[in-house]
Amino acid sequence: MNSGKGCSAIFSGLMYLFPLFVAFPTAIRVHSMQVSTVQLVVHVYIDGYQNPAGANLSVQLLDDFGSIEKESHTDNGGMVQFQVLVNAKGISGAVKQLRIYGPGIKEFTDVVEIAPVEIRKMVNIVVRSNSSGSPASNNPLDPHSIAANRLKVPSKAEKEFQKGKEAGDRKDWPEATKRFQAAIAVYPDYDLAYNGLGQALASSGDSVGARSAFEKAIQLNDNFAAAYRNLAKLSLSEHKFDEMDDLLTRSLSADPLNAWALAYAAYAELQLHKFDDVIAHARKAHSVEHDGLASVHIVAARALEEKQAPSEALEEYRLYLQEDANGRDADRAHKAITRLSGTTPN
């Protein structure tokens, strides 16, 4: 496939089912940008604000590609702090994901928006206890913790990688590309650097180079969930639904509660007429935090209609409206509810 528009184009015929964004942002060359550091303070509570979490819960800070930027553990008071870079002159600031897991709690993910005017941002998060008492990380193959090659990264390579991440935060893709390539030159087994390089190349419009970089990241670490997701985004833009479904299934073996992967696996499976898989993935997506992915219920409803289950499809359409009453699929959901209400029992 030719590089350029392919990896950032929104395909037309099937787009109505999801408010799909482009596979990667359009390339933006930044010549002058002021970056500021925001102190992100996260307080974790269990089952209510009266019960601060204790020490050693894992807290990950992820970028908008789902790659881990930082990871730390709560202190005795359930608190953890991160330093986050934002564009001080921008309008939108930064959007990050928080993932919290550990013994005695159910895994939790949430999106944090940091305004460019903020200097210190406080976030209070209530997670749910795991009544079984067993560890609830649900990440037996967490790539961040098991990739042995990451334990051997030379400091020079790590510094280049961090400079690449900073350039990526500024959307300075040529600089990010250069820094990630420099990190790889120092340490050729650097899976994180290959994933970062893929993101930078994709964002610059080079889908061929991006695909090669993501494939190399997976070759180095076959449990790298974020790299599988990034490669699946390229497959999505190329309408390769079989490949997309396979990649997301493999990503979910390492990160089983990632809402984006669950929702988009369901979307791919709908195109492939794998209706049982659609329903299973969509319902699992609904069981976790899935902000911005309400249209997974439209996907589930379509599969259920194909399975001749109008009552269950009707419930999915109603769930969509509960989550996104004014969304792009609201009119479709209302019409489907009217149509199905006359054919299903009350």
Protein backbone atom coordinates (compact mmCIF):
# COMPACT_ATOMS: atom_id res chain seq x y z
CA MET A 1 0.00 0.00 0.00
CA ASN A 2 1.21 3.48 -0.79
CA SER A 3 2.15 5.70 2.10
CA GLY A 4 0.35 8.97 2.70
CA LYS A 5 -3.38 9.33 2.97
CA GLY A 6 -4.05 5.63 3.43
CA CYS A 7 -3.23 5.45 7.12
CA SER A 8 -5.21 8.55 8.03
CA ALA A 9 -8.24 8.31 5.71
CA ILE A 10 -11.68 7.52 7.12
CA PHE A 11 -13.31 4.86 5.02
CA SER A 12 -16.76 5.69 3.82
CA GLY A 13 -19.23 2.84 3.41
CA LEU A 14 -19.16 1.33 6.90
CA MET A 15 -18.44 4.36 9.01
CA TYR A 16 -21.99 4.91 10.22
CA LEU A 17 -21.64 2.19 12.83
CA PHE A 18 -18.93 3.93 14.82
CA PRO A 19 -17.80 7.50 15.36
CA LEU A 20 -14.47 6.19 14.08
CA PHE A 21 -11.55 8.54 14.17
CA VAL A 22 -8.70 8.34 11.71
CA ALA A 23 -6.19 5.62 12.41
CA PHE A 24 -3.59 8.16 13.45
CA PRO A 25 -3.65 11.96 13.58
CA THR A 26 -2.84 13.89 10.44
CA ALA A 27 0.79 14.97 10.34
CA ILE A 28 1.38 18.26 12.09
CA ARG A 29 4.75 19.92 11.80
CA VAL A 30 5.48 22.06 14.81
CA HIS A 31 8.03 24.83 14.49
CA SER A 32 7.43 26.66 17.72
CA MET A 33 5.64 25.32 20.75
CA GLN A 34 5.87 26.08 24.44
CA VAL A 35 5.67 22.99 26.62
CA SER A 36 4.86 23.17 30.32
CA THR A 37 4.92 20.54 33.05
CA VAL A 38 1.80 19.78 35.07
CA GLN A 39 1.92 17.84 38.33
CA LEU A 40 -0.82 15.21 38.19
CA VAL A 41 -1.80 14.02 41.67
CA VAL A 42 -4.01 10.94 41.81
CA HIS A 43 -5.79 9.91 45.01
CA VAL A 44 -7.25 6.39 44.92
CA TYR A 45 -10.11 5.28 47.16
CA ILE A 46 -11.77 1.88 47.52
CA ASP A 47 -15.60 1.72 47.44
CA GLY A 48 -15.95 5.30 48.69
CA TYR A 49 -14.10 8.45 49.66
CA GLN A 50 -14.07 7.36 53.29
CA ASN A 51 -11.67 4.54 52.47
CA PRO A 52 -8.35 5.67 50.93
CA ALA A 53 -6.44 2.90 49.21
CA GLY A 54 -3.26 1.66 50.79
CA ALA A 55 0.16 1.16 49.27
CA ASN A 56 1.28 -0.80 46.21
CA LEU A 57 -1.65 -0.44 43.84
CA SER A 58 -0.24 -0.09 40.32
CA VAL A 59 -1.13 3.12 38.49
CA GLN A 60 -0.23 3.53 34.82
CA LEU A 61 -0.35 6.76 32.80
CA LEU A 62 -1.01 6.05 29.12
CA ASP A 63 -0.97 8.31 26.10
CA ASP A 64 -3.79 8.57 23.56
CA PHE A 65 -2.32 5.65 21.61
CA GLY A 66 -2.60 3.40 24.67
CA SER A 67 1.15 3.23 25.22
CA ILE A 68 2.45 3.38 28.78
CA GLU A 69 4.19 6.68 29.52
CA LYS A 70 4.77 6.27 33.23
CA GLU A 71 4.01 3.75 35.94
CA SER A 72 4.13 4.04 39.70
CA HIS A 73 2.52 2.67 42.86
CA THR A 74 0.30 4.25 45.45
CA ASP A 75 1.82 5.26 48.76
CA ASN A 76 0.37 4.39 52.16
CA GLY A 77 -2.33 7.03 51.66
CA GLY A 78 -3.36 5.80 48.22
CA MET A 79 -1.65 8.65 46.38
CA VAL A 80 0.60 8.71 43.33
CA GLN A 81 2.08 11.65 41.40
CA PHE A 82 3.21 12.11 37.79
CA GLN A 83 4.84 14.94 35.88
CA VAL A 84 2.92 15.47 32.61
CA LEU A 85 3.98 17.57 29.61
CA VAL A 86 1.32 19.72 27.92
CA ASN A 87 1.33 22.30 25.16
CA ALA A 88 1.08 25.55 27.11
CA LYS A 89 -0.11 27.50 24.06
CA GLY A 90 -2.58 24.91 22.89
CA ILE A 91 -6.32 24.85 23.39
CA SER A 92 -6.94 21.23 24.24
CA GLY A 93 -4.00 20.56 26.56
CA ALA A 94 -3.41 16.84 27.03
CA VAL A 95 -5.66 13.79 27.22
CA LYS A 96 -4.27 10.83 29.15
CA GLN A 97 -5.57 7.51 30.37
CA LEU A 98 -5.16 6.18 33.89
CA ARG A 99 -5.14 2.46 34.57
CA ILE A 100 -5.28 1.23 38.16
CA TYR A 101 -5.00 -2.40 39.22
CA GLY A 102 -3.68 -4.55 42.01
CA PRO A 103 -4.59 -6.97 44.81
CA GLY A 104 -8.08 -6.64 46.20
CA ILE A 105 -9.55 -4.28 43.59
CA LYS A 106 -11.23 -4.50 40.23
CA GLU A 107 -9.18 -3.01 37.42
CA PHE A 108 -10.15 0.57 36.63
CA THR A 109 -9.46 2.80 33.63
CA ASP A 110 -10.41 6.43 33.11
CA VAL A 111 -9.58 9.39 30.90
CA VAL A 112 -8.00 12.52 32.38
CA GLU A 113 -8.06 15.84 30.54
CA ILE A 114 -5.39 18.36 31.53
CA ALA A 115 -5.92 21.97 30.52
CA PRO A 116 -2.89 23.95 29.32
CA VAL A 117 -3.44 26.57 32.05
CA GLU A 118 -3.16 24.04 34.88
CA ILE A 119 -0.03 23.75 36.97
CA ARG A 120 -1.24 21.08 39.36
CA LYS A 121 -4.19 18.79 38.76
CA MET A 122 -5.84 16.73 41.47
CA VAL A 123 -7.83 13.62 40.53
CA ASN A 124 -9.88 11.57 42.98
CA ILE A 125 -10.75 8.06 41.80
CA VAL A 126 -12.95 5.49 43.50
CA VAL A 127 -12.22 1.90 42.52
CA ARG A 128 -14.26 -1.13 43.48
CA SER A 129 -13.09 -3.86 45.79
CA ASN A 130 -12.73 -7.37 44.46
CA SER A 131 -14.91 -9.50 46.71
CA SER A 132 -13.08 -12.67 45.72
CA GLY A 133 -9.98 -11.33 47.43
CA SER A 134 -7.78 -12.41 44.53
CA PRO A 135 -5.56 -10.06 42.56
CA ALA A 136 -7.73 -8.18 40.09
CA SER A 137 -5.23 -6.83 37.65
CA ASN A 138 -6.51 -9.14 34.92
CA ASN A 139 -3.23 -8.62 33.14
CA PRO A 140 -1.33 -11.90 33.39
CA LEU A 141 0.58 -10.96 30.27
CA ASP A 142 1.05 -7.26 31.00
CA PRO A 143 3.73 -6.37 28.44
CA HIS A 144 5.15 -3.61 30.59
CA SER A 145 6.02 -6.01 33.37
CA ILE A 146 7.19 -9.09 31.47
CA ALA A 147 9.23 -7.74 28.57
CA ALA A 148 12.72 -8.81 29.63
CA ASN A 149 14.37 -6.75 26.91
CA ARG A 150 13.16 -3.57 28.63
CA LEU A 151 15.22 -4.39 31.66
CA LYS A 152 18.38 -4.14 29.58
CA VAL A 153 17.82 -0.72 27.96
CA PRO A 154 21.00 1.41 28.14
CA SER A 155 20.55 4.84 29.68
CA LYS A 156 21.53 6.56 26.41
CA ALA A 157 18.77 4.72 24.53
CA GLU A 158 16.25 5.54 27.26
CA LYS A 159 17.14 9.23 27.08
CA GLU A 160 16.61 9.26 23.32
CA PHE A 161 13.30 7.45 23.80
CA GLN A 162 12.11 10.02 26.33
CA LYS A 163 13.07 12.83 23.95
CA GLY A 164 11.06 11.07 21.28
CA LYS A 165 8.05 10.86 23.59
CA GLU A 166 8.37 14.56 24.40
CA ALA A 167 8.52 15.41 20.70
CA GLY A 168 5.46 13.23 20.13
CA ASP A 169 3.60 15.08 22.88
CA ARG A 170 4.34 18.27 20.92
CA LYS A 171 3.25 16.52 17.70
CA ASP A 172 6.69 17.23 16.26
CA TRP A 173 6.74 14.00 14.28
CA PRO A 174 10.04 14.52 12.39
CA GLU A 175 11.87 15.12 15.67
CA ALA A 176 10.09 12.18 17.31
CA THR A 177 11.06 9.94 14.40
CA LYS A 178 14.69 10.99 14.67
CA ARG A 179 14.82 10.39 18.43
CA PHE A 180 13.15 6.97 18.28
CA GLN A 181 15.50 5.92 15.50
CA ALA A 182 18.43 7.10 17.63
CA ALA A 183 17.18 5.01 20.55
CA ILE A 184 16.91 1.95 18.30
CA ALA A 185 20.41 2.55 16.94
CA VAL A 186 21.74 2.35 20.50
CA TYR A 187 19.57 -0.62 21.50
CA PRO A 188 18.08 -2.60 18.56
CA ASP A 189 15.83 -4.69 20.85
CA TYR A 190 13.93 -1.66 22.15
CA ASP A 191 10.29 -2.64 21.55
CA LEU A 192 8.92 0.58 23.05
CA ALA A 193 11.06 2.66 20.71
CA TYR A 194 9.79 0.73 17.68
CA ASN A 195 6.22 1.32 18.83
CA GLY A 196 6.94 5.03 19.27
CA LEU A 197 8.57 5.14 15.85
CA GLY A 198 5.48 3.53 14.35
CA GLN A 199 3.26 6.17 15.94
CA ALA A 200 5.46 8.99 14.64
CA LEU A 201 5.62 7.55 11.12
CA ALA A 202 1.87 6.88 11.00
CA SER A 203 1.16 10.41 12.18
CA SER A 204 3.47 11.68 9.41
CA GLY A 205 1.50 9.74 6.80
CA ASP A 206 3.99 6.90 6.28
CA SER A 207 1.79 3.84 6.75
CA VAL A 208 4.33 1.44 5.24
CA GLY A 209 7.09 2.52 7.60
CA ALA A 210 4.66 2.54 10.53
CA ARG A 211 3.53 -1.01 9.81
CA SER A 212 7.13 -2.21 9.68
CA ALA A 213 7.92 -0.54 13.01
CA PHE A 214 4.87 -1.96 14.80
CA GLU A 215 5.58 -5.43 13.43
CA LYS A 216 9.13 -5.19 14.73
CA ALA A 217 7.83 -4.13 18.17
CA ILE A 218 5.62 -7.22 18.26
CA GLN A 219 8.45 -9.44 17.03
CA LEU A 220 10.53 -8.25 19.99
CA ASN A 221 7.66 -8.54 22.46
CA ASP A 222 4.76 -10.74 21.38
CA ASN A 223 2.69 -9.62 24.39
CA PHE A 224 2.85 -5.91 23.51
CA ALA A 225 -0.85 -5.04 23.58
CA ALA A 226 -0.46 -1.38 22.58
CA ALA A 227 1.60 -2.30 19.49
CA TYR A 228 -1.08 -4.80 18.42
CA ARG A 229 -3.71 -2.06 18.81
CA ASN A 230 -1.65 0.42 16.81
CA LEU A 231 -1.17 -2.12 14.03
CA ALA A 232 -4.91 -2.84 14.13
CA LYS A 233 -5.58 0.87 13.53
CA LEU A 234 -3.62 0.60 10.29
CA SER A 235 -5.60 -2.51 9.35
CA LEU A 236 -8.80 -0.58 10.05
CA SER A 237 -7.78 2.25 7.72
CA GLU A 238 -7.00 -0.35 5.03
CA HIS A 239 -10.32 -2.22 5.52
CA LYS A 240 -8.44 -5.41 6.46
CA PHE A 241 -11.01 -6.65 8.94
CA ASP A 242 -9.69 -10.21 9.23
CA GLU A 243 -6.25 -8.89 10.14
CA MET A 244 -7.72 -6.24 12.42
CA ASP A 245 -9.75 -8.83 14.32
CA ASP A 246 -6.75 -11.13 14.71
CA LEU A 247 -4.53 -8.32 16.00
CA LEU A 248 -7.11 -7.10 18.50
CA THR A 249 -7.77 -10.64 19.73
CA ARG A 250 -4.05 -11.01 20.37
CA SER A 251 -3.93 -7.65 22.13
CA LEU A 252 -6.80 -8.71 24.38
CA SER A 253 -4.91 -11.81 25.49
CA ALA A 254 -2.42 -9.40 27.10
CA ASP A 255 -4.81 -6.59 28.05
CA PRO A 256 -8.27 -8.20 28.33
CA LEU A 257 -10.17 -5.17 29.65
CA ASN A 258 -9.09 -2.56 27.12
CA ALA A 259 -12.37 -0.97 26.06
CA TRP A 260 -11.10 0.31 22.72
CA ALA A 261 -9.83 -3.12 21.69
CA LEU A 262 -13.05 -4.81 22.79
CA ALA A 263 -15.26 -2.32 20.95
CA TYR A 264 -13.27 -2.33 17.73
CA ALA A 265 -12.88 -6.11 17.77
CA ALA A 266 -16.69 -6.24 17.84
CA TYR A 267 -16.81 -3.78 14.94
CA ALA A 268 -14.41 -5.86 12.83
CA GLU A 269 -16.32 -9.05 13.64
CA LEU A 270 -19.58 -7.46 12.52
CA GLN A 271 -18.05 -6.92 9.09
CA LEU A 272 -16.94 -10.57 9.12
CA HIS A 273 -20.40 -11.82 10.19
CA LYS A 274 -18.93 -13.39 13.35
CA PHE A 275 -22.02 -12.42 15.30
CA ASP A 276 -21.43 -14.48 18.44
CA ASP A 277 -18.00 -12.89 18.84
CA VAL A 278 -19.48 -9.44 18.23
CA ILE A 279 -21.96 -9.89 21.05
CA ALA A 280 -19.37 -11.30 23.47
CA HIS A 281 -16.86 -8.49 22.88
CA ALA A 282 -19.51 -5.76 22.93
CA ARG A 283 -20.93 -6.95 26.23
CA LYS A 284 -17.49 -7.17 27.77
CA ALA A 285 -16.80 -3.62 26.58
CA HIS A 286 -19.99 -2.51 28.33
CA SER A 287 -18.79 -4.14 31.56
CA VAL A 288 -15.79 -1.76 31.78
CA GLU A 289 -15.43 2.00 31.51
CA HIS A 290 -16.01 2.79 27.82
CA ASP A 291 -16.45 6.53 27.51
CA GLY A 292 -16.72 7.63 23.88
CA LEU A 293 -17.55 4.11 22.71
CA ALA A 294 -21.32 4.06 23.14
CA SER A 295 -21.74 2.94 19.52
CA VAL A 296 -20.55 -0.49 20.56
CA HIS A 297 -24.20 -0.97 21.52
CA ILE A 298 -25.27 -0.23 17.93
CA VAL A 299 -22.81 -2.86 16.77
CA ALA A 300 -24.16 -5.36 19.30
CA ALA A 301 -27.74 -4.56 18.29
CA ARG A 302 -26.98 -5.19 14.63
CA ALA A 303 -25.47 -8.57 15.48
CA LEU A 304 -28.42 -9.49 17.68
CA GLU A 305 -30.86 -8.61 14.90
CA GLU A 306 -28.90 -10.89 12.58
CA LYS A 307 -29.22 -13.58 15.28
CA GLN A 308 -33.00 -13.06 15.33
CA ALA A 309 -32.96 -11.71 18.88
CA PRO A 310 -35.05 -8.51 18.60
CA SER A 311 -35.72 -8.12 22.33
CA GLU A 312 -32.01 -8.12 23.14
CA ALA A 313 -31.28 -5.85 20.18
CA LEU A 314 -33.90 -3.42 21.46
CA GLU A 315 -32.13 -3.28 24.82
CA GLU A 316 -28.82 -2.49 23.12
CA TYR A 317 -30.36 0.41 21.21
CA ARG A 318 -31.77 1.73 24.48
CA LEU A 319 -28.39 1.40 26.17
CA TYR A 320 -26.85 3.45 23.39
CA LEU A 321 -29.33 6.28 23.98
CA GLN A 322 -28.72 6.14 27.73
CA GLU A 323 -25.00 6.64 27.13
CA ASP A 324 -25.09 9.09 24.22
CA ALA A 325 -28.57 10.53 23.81
CA ASN A 326 -27.46 13.10 21.24
CA GLY A 327 -24.81 11.00 19.51
CA ARG A 328 -24.39 10.50 15.80
CA ASP A 329 -26.30 7.20 15.97
CA ALA A 330 -29.19 8.57 18.06
CA ASP A 331 -31.58 8.88 15.11
CA ARG A 332 -30.72 5.35 13.99
CA ALA A 333 -31.35 4.04 17.50
CA HIS A 334 -34.71 5.82 17.81
CA LYS A 335 -35.88 4.42 14.47
CA ALA A 336 -34.74 0.92 15.40
CA ILE A 337 -36.56 1.11 18.74
CA THR A 338 -39.76 2.17 16.98
CA ARG A 339 -39.38 -0.61 14.43
CA LEU A 340 -38.59 -3.32 16.98
CA SER A 341 -41.13 -2.24 19.59
CA GLY A 342 -43.92 -3.40 17.31
CA THR A 343 -42.41 -6.88 16.91
CA THR A 344 -41.23 -7.69 20.44
CA PRO A 345 -43.20 -8.48 23.60
CA ASN A 346 -43.30 -5.82 26.32
